Protein backbone atom coordinates (compact mmCIF):
# COMPACT_ATOMS: atom_id res chain seq x y z
CA MET A 1 -2.58 5.47 9.51
CA LYS A 2 -0.41 8.40 8.41
CA ARG A 3 0.34 6.62 5.13
CA LEU A 4 -3.38 6.29 4.41
CA ARG A 5 -4.15 9.89 5.31
CA PRO A 6 -3.65 11.21 1.72
CA LEU A 7 -6.42 8.84 0.58
CA ARG A 8 -8.94 10.61 2.77
CA ARG A 9 -11.15 13.15 1.03
CA GLU A 10 -11.22 16.63 2.45
CA SER A 11 -14.92 17.15 1.91
CA ARG A 12 -18.11 15.33 1.11
CA ARG A 13 -18.09 16.96 -2.29
CA GLN A 14 -14.84 15.19 -3.17
CA VAL A 15 -16.31 11.86 -2.02
CA VAL A 16 -19.38 12.32 -4.21
CA TYR A 17 -17.25 13.46 -7.14
CA ASP A 18 -14.98 10.41 -6.95
CA LEU A 19 -17.93 8.03 -6.56
CA LEU A 20 -19.56 9.49 -9.66
CA LEU A 21 -16.25 9.26 -11.50
CA TRP A 22 -15.93 5.56 -10.59
CA VAL A 23 -19.54 4.84 -11.63
CA VAL A 24 -19.08 6.51 -15.02
CA LEU A 25 -15.71 4.82 -15.52
CA GLY A 26 -17.28 1.47 -14.55
CA ILE A 27 -20.03 1.94 -17.11
CA PHE A 28 -17.52 2.65 -19.86
CA VAL A 29 -15.41 -0.33 -18.80
CA ALA A 30 -18.47 -2.58 -18.86
CA ALA A 31 -19.33 -1.32 -22.33
CA MET A 32 -15.92 -2.49 -23.55
CA GLY A 33 -16.28 -6.05 -22.21
CA PRO A 34 -18.58 -9.07 -22.74
CA ASP A 35 -22.33 -8.74 -22.48
CA PRO A 36 -23.34 -9.71 -18.91
CA PHE A 37 -26.57 -11.31 -20.17
CA GLN A 38 -25.11 -13.30 -23.04
CA ASP A 39 -21.76 -14.14 -21.47
CA PRO A 40 -22.00 -13.88 -17.68
CA ALA A 41 -18.84 -15.93 -17.15
CA GLY A 42 -16.80 -13.70 -19.44
CA PHE A 43 -18.26 -10.63 -17.80
CA GLY A 44 -17.26 -11.91 -14.39
CA MET A 45 -13.74 -12.84 -15.46
CA VAL A 46 -12.98 -9.78 -17.60
CA THR A 47 -15.20 -6.84 -16.68
CA ALA A 48 -15.48 -7.33 -12.91
CA PRO A 49 -11.67 -7.21 -12.32
CA ARG A 50 -11.45 -4.16 -14.57
CA VAL A 51 -14.16 -2.38 -12.62
CA GLY A 52 -12.30 -3.19 -9.39
CA LEU A 53 -9.08 -1.88 -10.93
CA ALA A 54 -10.92 1.30 -11.93
CA ALA A 55 -12.10 1.70 -8.32
CA VAL A 56 -8.53 1.51 -7.03
CA ALA A 57 -7.38 3.96 -9.70
CA VAL A 58 -10.04 6.48 -8.69
CA LEU A 59 -9.15 5.99 -5.01
CA VAL A 60 -5.47 6.81 -5.50
CA GLY A 61 -5.90 9.14 -8.45
CA ARG A 62 -6.58 12.29 -6.43
CA PRO A 63 -3.34 12.27 -4.37
CA TRP A 64 -1.24 10.23 -6.83
CA PRO A 65 -2.46 10.64 -10.44
CA LEU A 66 0.62 8.86 -11.80
CA ALA A 67 -0.31 5.72 -9.84
CA ALA A 68 -3.80 5.83 -11.35
CA LEU A 69 -2.25 6.19 -14.78
CA VAL A 70 -0.19 3.04 -14.27
CA LEU A 71 -3.15 1.11 -12.84
CA LEU A 72 -5.23 1.93 -15.91
CA LEU A 73 -2.61 0.47 -18.27
CA PRO A 74 -4.76 -2.64 -19.03
CA LEU A 75 -7.51 -0.26 -20.12
CA GLY A 76 -5.19 1.79 -22.34
CA PRO A 77 -5.57 2.43 -26.09
CA TRP A 78 -4.26 -0.95 -27.19
CA GLN A 79 -7.17 -1.78 -29.50
CA PHE A 80 -6.59 -0.20 -32.89
CA SER A 81 -10.03 -0.71 -34.39
CA GLU A 82 -11.29 2.83 -33.68
CA GLY A 83 -9.37 6.05 -33.82
CA PHE A 84 -9.59 9.80 -33.91
CA ALA A 85 -8.82 9.70 -37.61
CA THR A 86 -8.36 7.15 -40.39
CA VAL A 87 -5.77 7.80 -43.09
CA ASP A 88 -4.92 6.10 -46.36
CA LEU A 89 -1.28 5.02 -46.32
CA SER A 90 -1.50 2.56 -49.19
CA TRP A 91 1.38 4.34 -50.90
CA LEU A 92 3.56 3.34 -47.96
CA LEU A 93 1.88 0.46 -46.16
CA PRO A 94 0.03 -2.65 -47.23
CA ARG A 95 -3.00 -1.47 -45.27
CA ARG A 96 -5.22 1.23 -46.66
CA ASN A 97 -7.03 2.30 -43.47
CA VAL A 98 -4.67 3.15 -40.60
CA LYS A 99 -6.03 4.44 -37.31
CA ILE A 100 -4.42 7.60 -36.05
CA PHE A 101 -4.73 8.26 -32.31
CA PRO A 102 -6.77 5.17 -31.35
CA LEU A 103 -9.62 5.92 -28.97
CA LEU A 104 -11.39 3.69 -26.46
CA ALA A 105 -14.20 4.37 -24.05
CA THR A 106 -11.63 4.72 -21.26
CA SER A 107 -9.34 7.09 -23.18
CA PRO A 108 -10.83 10.32 -21.72
CA PHE A 109 -10.16 9.10 -18.18
CA ILE A 110 -6.58 8.15 -19.02
CA ILE A 111 -6.05 11.53 -20.68
CA TRP A 112 -7.38 13.22 -17.55
CA TYR A 113 -4.98 11.42 -15.22
CA ALA A 114 -2.08 12.10 -17.60
CA TYR A 115 -2.95 15.79 -17.44
CA LEU A 116 -3.16 15.68 -13.63
CA THR A 117 0.26 14.01 -13.50
CA GLY A 118 1.86 16.91 -15.34
CA ARG A 119 -0.21 19.43 -13.41
CA ARG A 120 0.66 18.19 -9.91
CA MET A 121 4.05 16.46 -10.13
CA ALA A 122 7.05 18.77 -10.01
CA ARG A 123 9.59 15.98 -10.53
CA ALA A 124 9.84 14.65 -14.07
CA TRP A 125 11.73 11.40 -13.55
CA PRO A 126 8.76 9.38 -12.12
CA ALA A 127 6.67 10.37 -15.14
CA LEU A 128 9.58 9.44 -17.43
CA LEU A 129 9.82 5.98 -15.86
CA ALA A 130 6.05 5.52 -16.18
CA PHE A 131 6.15 6.59 -19.82
CA CYS A 132 8.91 4.04 -20.49
CA LEU A 133 6.72 1.36 -18.90
CA ILE A 134 3.71 2.44 -20.98
CA SER A 135 5.84 2.43 -24.13
CA LEU A 136 7.03 -1.09 -23.30
CA VAL A 137 3.43 -2.24 -23.00
CA GLY A 138 2.60 -0.65 -26.35
CA VAL A 139 5.58 -2.30 -28.04
CA THR A 140 4.58 -5.68 -26.58
CA VAL A 141 1.03 -5.29 -27.86
CA VAL A 142 2.22 -4.42 -31.38
CA LEU A 143 4.65 -7.34 -31.48
CA ARG A 144 1.96 -9.77 -30.35
CA MET A 145 -0.34 -8.48 -33.12
CA GLY A 146 2.26 -9.14 -35.80
CA GLY A 147 4.42 -6.03 -35.81
CA ASP A 148 2.85 -4.51 -38.92
CA LEU A 149 4.06 -0.98 -39.70
CA ALA A 150 0.48 0.29 -39.58
CA LEU A 151 0.20 -1.00 -36.00
CA TRP A 152 3.36 0.86 -35.08
CA VAL A 153 1.86 4.07 -36.45
CA SER A 154 -1.33 3.53 -34.44
CA MET A 155 0.58 2.68 -31.27
CA VAL A 156 2.91 5.70 -31.47
CA THR A 157 0.02 8.10 -32.08
CA ALA A 158 -1.85 6.48 -29.18
CA LEU A 159 1.09 7.08 -26.85
CA VAL A 160 1.50 10.65 -28.00
CA GLY A 161 -2.18 11.60 -27.97
CA THR A 162 -3.28 9.72 -24.87
CA TYR A 163 -0.28 10.14 -22.60
CA LEU A 164 2.38 12.56 -23.78
CA VAL A 165 0.34 15.54 -25.00
CA PRO A 166 -1.99 15.64 -21.94
CA TYR A 167 1.02 15.34 -19.63
CA LEU A 168 2.78 18.24 -21.36
CA CYS A 169 -0.40 20.30 -21.16
CA GLY A 170 -0.46 19.66 -17.42
CA VAL A 171 3.19 20.70 -17.12
CA LEU A 172 2.49 23.88 -19.07
CA ARG A 173 -0.48 24.66 -16.84
CA ARG A 174 1.64 24.13 -13.73
CA LYS A 175 4.38 26.39 -15.05
CA LEU A 176 1.89 29.13 -15.89
CA LEU A 177 0.35 28.95 -12.42
CA GLN A 178 3.80 29.06 -10.83
CA GLN A 179 4.70 32.08 -12.91
CA ARG A 180 1.44 33.77 -11.95
CA ARG A 181 2.11 33.01 -8.28
CA GLN A 182 5.65 34.36 -8.52
CA THR A 183 4.34 37.50 -10.19
CA ARG A 184 1.80 37.97 -7.41
CA LEU A 185 4.44 37.41 -4.72
CA SER A 186 6.75 39.86 -6.47
CA ALA A 187 4.00 42.46 -6.59
CA GLU A 188 3.31 41.93 -2.89
CA ALA A 189 7.02 42.25 -2.11
CA GLN A 190 7.20 45.51 -4.09
CA ALA A 191 4.17 46.79 -2.20
CA ARG A 192 5.89 45.96 1.10
CA LEU A 193 9.05 47.75 -0.06
CA ARG A 194 7.03 50.83 -1.01
CA GLU A 195 5.34 50.82 2.38
CA ARG A 196 8.67 50.43 4.15
CA ALA A 197 10.08 53.32 2.13
CA ARG A 198 7.05 55.44 3.01
CA ILE A 199 7.42 54.65 6.70
CA ALA A 200 11.13 55.43 6.59
CA ARG A 201 10.49 58.73 4.83
CA ASP A 202 7.74 59.74 7.23
CA MET A 203 9.91 58.84 10.22
CA HIS A 204 12.77 60.91 8.85
CA ASP A 205 10.53 63.85 7.92
CA SER A 206 8.59 64.01 11.17
CA LEU A 207 10.45 62.30 14.02
CA GLY A 208 13.92 63.30 12.82
CA HIS A 209 12.86 66.92 12.54
CA ASP A 210 11.21 66.91 15.96
CA LEU A 211 14.21 65.28 17.63
CA ALA A 212 16.49 67.87 16.07
CA LEU A 213 14.32 70.66 17.47
CA ILE A 214 14.41 69.05 20.91
CA ALA A 215 18.20 68.99 20.73
CA VAL A 216 18.21 72.68 19.71
CA ARG A 217 16.10 73.61 22.71
CA ALA A 218 18.28 71.55 25.01
CA ALA A 219 21.42 73.20 23.66
CA GLY A 220 19.91 76.64 24.20
CA LEU A 221 18.89 75.70 27.71
CA GLU A 222 22.38 74.38 28.42
CA LEU A 223 23.91 77.77 27.56
CA ALA A 224 21.28 79.85 29.34
CA PRO A 225 22.67 82.00 32.17
CA GLY A 226 21.59 81.62 35.79
CA LEU A 227 21.20 77.84 35.81
CA ALA A 228 22.62 75.67 38.53
CA PRO A 229 25.34 73.16 37.56
CA ALA A 230 22.91 70.28 38.01
CA GLN A 231 20.43 71.93 35.64
CA VAL A 232 23.14 72.58 33.06
CA LYS A 233 24.18 68.96 33.33
CA ALA A 234 20.59 67.78 32.88
CA ALA A 235 20.19 69.98 29.79
CA GLY A 236 23.40 68.56 28.34
CA GLU A 237 22.22 65.03 29.02
CA LEU A 238 18.91 65.84 27.31
CA ARG A 239 20.80 67.18 24.27
CA ILE A 240 22.95 64.06 24.09
CA ALA A 241 19.90 61.80 24.51
CA ALA A 242 18.13 63.58 21.66
CA ALA A 243 21.22 63.15 19.47
CA ASP A 244 21.44 59.44 20.34
CA ALA A 245 17.74 59.00 19.57
CA THR A 246 18.29 60.71 16.22
CA GLU A 247 21.15 58.31 15.46
CA ARG A 248 19.03 55.27 16.37
CA LEU A 249 16.27 56.63 14.17
CA ARG A 250 18.78 56.95 11.32
CA GLN A 251 19.79 53.30 11.79
CA ILE A 252 16.16 52.17 11.77
CA ILE A 253 15.52 54.14 8.60
CA GLY A 254 18.54 52.45 7.06
CA LEU A 255 16.95 49.07 7.77
CA LEU A 256 13.60 50.13 6.39
CA ARG A 257 14.95 51.58 3.19
CA GLU A 258 15.77 49.30 0.26
CA ASP A 259 17.81 49.70 -2.90
CA ALA A 260 14.63 48.95 -4.87
CA ASP A 261 12.93 51.98 -3.37
CA ALA A 262 9.80 52.78 -5.31
CA ALA A 263 8.46 56.15 -6.29
CA PRO A 264 8.23 58.19 -3.07
CA LEU A 265 5.05 59.49 -1.56
CA SER A 266 4.60 63.15 -0.62
CA PRO A 267 4.66 63.68 3.13
CA VAL A 268 1.50 64.89 4.76
CA GLY A 269 1.75 67.76 7.26
CA GLU A 270 1.87 71.49 7.64
CA ASP A 271 2.92 73.88 4.90
CA VAL A 272 6.25 75.71 4.70
CA SER A 273 5.11 78.69 6.79
CA GLU A 274 3.82 76.51 9.62
CA LEU A 275 6.98 74.40 9.49
CA VAL A 276 9.18 77.47 9.80
CA ARG A 277 7.03 78.87 12.59
CA ARG A 278 7.27 75.65 14.59
CA ALA A 279 11.05 75.56 14.15
CA THR A 280 11.27 79.22 15.20
CA ASP A 281 9.25 78.49 18.32
CA SER A 282 11.81 75.80 19.14
CA GLY A 283 14.58 78.41 19.29
CA MET A 284 15.94 78.48 15.74
CA SER A 285 16.67 81.83 14.09
CA ILE A 286 14.98 81.61 10.69
CA THR A 287 14.28 84.17 7.99
CA LEU A 288 11.61 83.14 5.47
CA ASP A 289 11.35 84.66 1.99
CA LEU A 290 8.21 83.25 0.38
CA SER A 291 7.83 84.57 -3.18
CA PRO A 292 4.38 85.03 -4.70
CA GLY A 293 3.10 82.23 -6.88
CA PRO A 294 2.49 78.51 -6.48
CA VAL A 295 4.66 76.72 -3.95
CA PRO A 296 6.45 73.66 -5.37
CA GLY A 297 5.19 70.32 -4.10
CA LEU A 298 8.64 69.43 -2.78
CA ALA A 299 9.12 72.74 -0.95
CA ARG A 300 8.09 71.42 2.46
CA ALA A 301 10.36 68.37 2.18
CA VAL A 302 13.32 70.50 1.10
CA VAL A 303 12.81 73.07 3.85
CA GLN A 304 12.32 70.39 6.47
CA GLU A 305 15.51 68.61 5.41
CA GLY A 306 17.46 71.89 5.44
CA LEU A 307 16.17 72.92 8.87
CA THR A 308 16.83 69.45 10.30
CA ASN A 309 20.40 69.49 9.02
CA ALA A 310 20.94 73.00 10.37
CA ALA A 311 19.56 72.03 13.79
CA LYS A 312 21.78 68.92 13.97
CA HIS A 313 25.02 70.16 12.43
CA ALA A 314 24.92 73.92 13.06
CA PRO A 315 23.01 74.57 16.31
CA GLY A 316 22.29 78.22 16.93
CA ALA A 317 23.12 79.26 13.37
CA ALA A 318 20.97 81.76 11.53
CA VAL A 319 18.99 80.11 8.75
CA GLU A 320 17.67 81.71 5.57
CA VAL A 321 14.80 80.01 3.73
CA SER A 322 13.84 81.13 0.25
CA VAL A 323 10.94 79.58 -1.65
CA SER A 324 9.90 80.48 -5.21
CA PRO A 325 7.85 78.55 -7.80
CA LEU A 326 10.99 77.07 -9.40
CA ARG A 327 13.59 77.20 -6.64
CA VAL A 328 13.86 76.30 -2.96
CA ARG A 329 16.95 77.27 -0.96
CA VAL A 330 17.91 76.74 2.69
CA ARG A 331 21.17 78.32 3.89
CA ASN A 332 22.60 78.39 7.40
CA GLY A 333 25.55 80.20 8.90
CA PRO A 334 28.21 78.81 11.21
CA ALA A 335 27.29 76.82 14.28
CA ARG A 336 27.24 78.61 17.63
CA SER A 337 27.37 75.44 19.78
CA ARG A 338 28.39 71.82 19.50
CA PRO A 339 26.63 69.79 16.78
CA THR A 340 24.01 67.36 18.04
CA GLY A 341 24.02 64.93 15.10
CA ARG A 342 26.39 62.71 13.21
CA SER A 343 27.17 62.81 9.51
CA GLY A 344 26.28 60.14 7.00
CA GLY A 345 22.48 60.20 7.22
CA LEU A 346 20.07 59.22 4.48
CA GLY A 347 18.06 62.45 4.35
CA LEU A 348 19.80 64.06 1.41
CA ALA A 349 19.98 60.77 -0.47
CA GLY A 350 16.23 60.26 -0.19
CA LEU A 351 15.54 63.91 -1.03
CA ARG A 352 17.80 63.70 -4.08
CA GLU A 353 15.80 60.74 -5.38
CA ARG A 354 12.54 62.61 -4.91
CA VAL A 355 13.93 65.63 -6.71
CA ARG A 356 15.23 63.44 -9.53
CA LEU A 357 11.82 61.84 -10.02
CA ALA A 358 10.30 65.33 -10.15
CA GLY A 359 12.76 66.29 -12.93
CA GLY A 360 14.71 68.76 -10.82
CA THR A 361 18.26 69.19 -9.56
CA LEU A 362 19.66 69.27 -6.04
CA ALA A 363 22.87 70.96 -4.92
CA ALA A 364 24.13 70.80 -1.35
CA GLY A 365 27.46 71.74 0.15
CA PRO A 366 29.48 74.26 2.16
CA VAL A 367 29.11 77.89 1.15
CA GLY A 368 31.43 80.27 2.93
CA ASP A 369 31.31 79.47 6.62
CA GLY A 370 27.90 77.81 6.37
CA PHE A 371 25.98 75.25 4.36
CA GLU A 372 23.46 75.64 1.54
CA LEU A 373 20.82 73.30 0.14
CA THR A 374 19.27 74.35 -3.18
CA VAL A 375 16.66 72.57 -5.26
CA THR A 376 15.79 73.81 -8.73
CA LEU A 377 12.70 72.50 -10.49
CA PRO A 378 12.01 72.79 -14.24
CA ARG A 379 9.09 74.69 -15.62
CA GLU A 380 6.07 72.64 -16.52
CA GLY A 381 6.73 70.86 -19.83
CA GLU A 382 10.49 71.55 -19.78
CA GLU A 383 13.15 68.87 -19.95
CA ASP A 384 15.57 68.59 -17.05
CA PRO A 385 18.81 70.19 -18.28
CA HIS A 386 20.85 68.48 -15.55
CA ARG A 387 19.81 64.88 -16.13
CA SER A 388 17.26 64.71 -13.31
CA GLY A 389 19.42 65.39 -10.35
CA GLY A 390 22.73 64.20 -11.70
CA ASN A 391 25.47 63.07 -9.36
CA PRO A 392 26.10 64.72 -5.98
CA PRO A 393 28.73 67.42 -6.21
CA PRO A 394 32.08 66.85 -4.52
CA ASP A 395 31.31 69.51 -1.90
CA GLU A 396 28.25 67.60 -0.72
CA ARG A 397 30.19 64.36 -0.26
CA ARG A 398 32.64 66.21 1.99
CA SER A 399 30.07 68.29 3.83
CA GLY A 400 29.00 65.76 6.44
CA HIS A 401 25.35 66.78 6.23
CA GLY A 402 22.72 64.07 5.67
């Protein structure tokens, strides 16, 4: 029963379609044979078996078009009395009128199944074997008719026009559909990568910053006077837990990010002043210098990255934030307690890419006894004089911030 399952039609529409196809094919087959009224015996011996053969071909033609093509071989273009064109080859052949691309009433159906064979069959060798069989039949027909050169011309054009060209058209259609499908899948994959990059960036911008502030508060609580040893221990454990959570977040972001990271999306959240105020409320010592004029679109991301790095790698340090229309700088002094984060994060790498796409430059590295992150953006309409971000300076690669 499983072998016969492909012969079942999926819907009533397919059943009706195939029945109509068989009826039309039967009518054309009957038109090619003896008259049923003048020669009933000939009709029964010639046309009836052909109609039955056409029924089998239609039955198997939907799942296996190549099988239908082989079954319809007796109804192929082996009569060379009518053709798509008639040419005069008297200069080359004894015959004046030579049929090019012979056509029969059943030729459109054979062309259709040849097209379906190329359209649905991915493997070429079954079609090659079938074409060899069809060619053998054509050669046999020509030899039985005398082997005249004009017959060879008709037979070859019949093979090419009825079988080969439709098959190649089906192959071309299949390749185009495969290419279209691959393009669609590639576009969907790029969309998933962009979404993963957006999630990773939002996690780093929001959760990473919040975890760093929690660690800052825990470190301040750990050093506060008047606490019992158990409370100091609990504060230290909270600081370590926040650092471990930050590290796990960094690992997750590393999995979400891809080398084929698309153009980044701007994070959504508070502005620079609100960001600094929230960090100050968490215990950080921050001085904000906000120059008059428009605030760069990347200012919040730069400040957030600088504050997060300062909270992780220089807890308790004084931080200076300076924002102008063309320059954003975050500088911190030396740490006053143990760092709560590990080096090697992806924050600066992601920020560098965003700055590069904006046509700016990023510089980050130790300055004196602290660390400074500076982003310079070009004026509107200016070219980037530093090749859109350039390479990270040596100081940044040795700084340990990220």
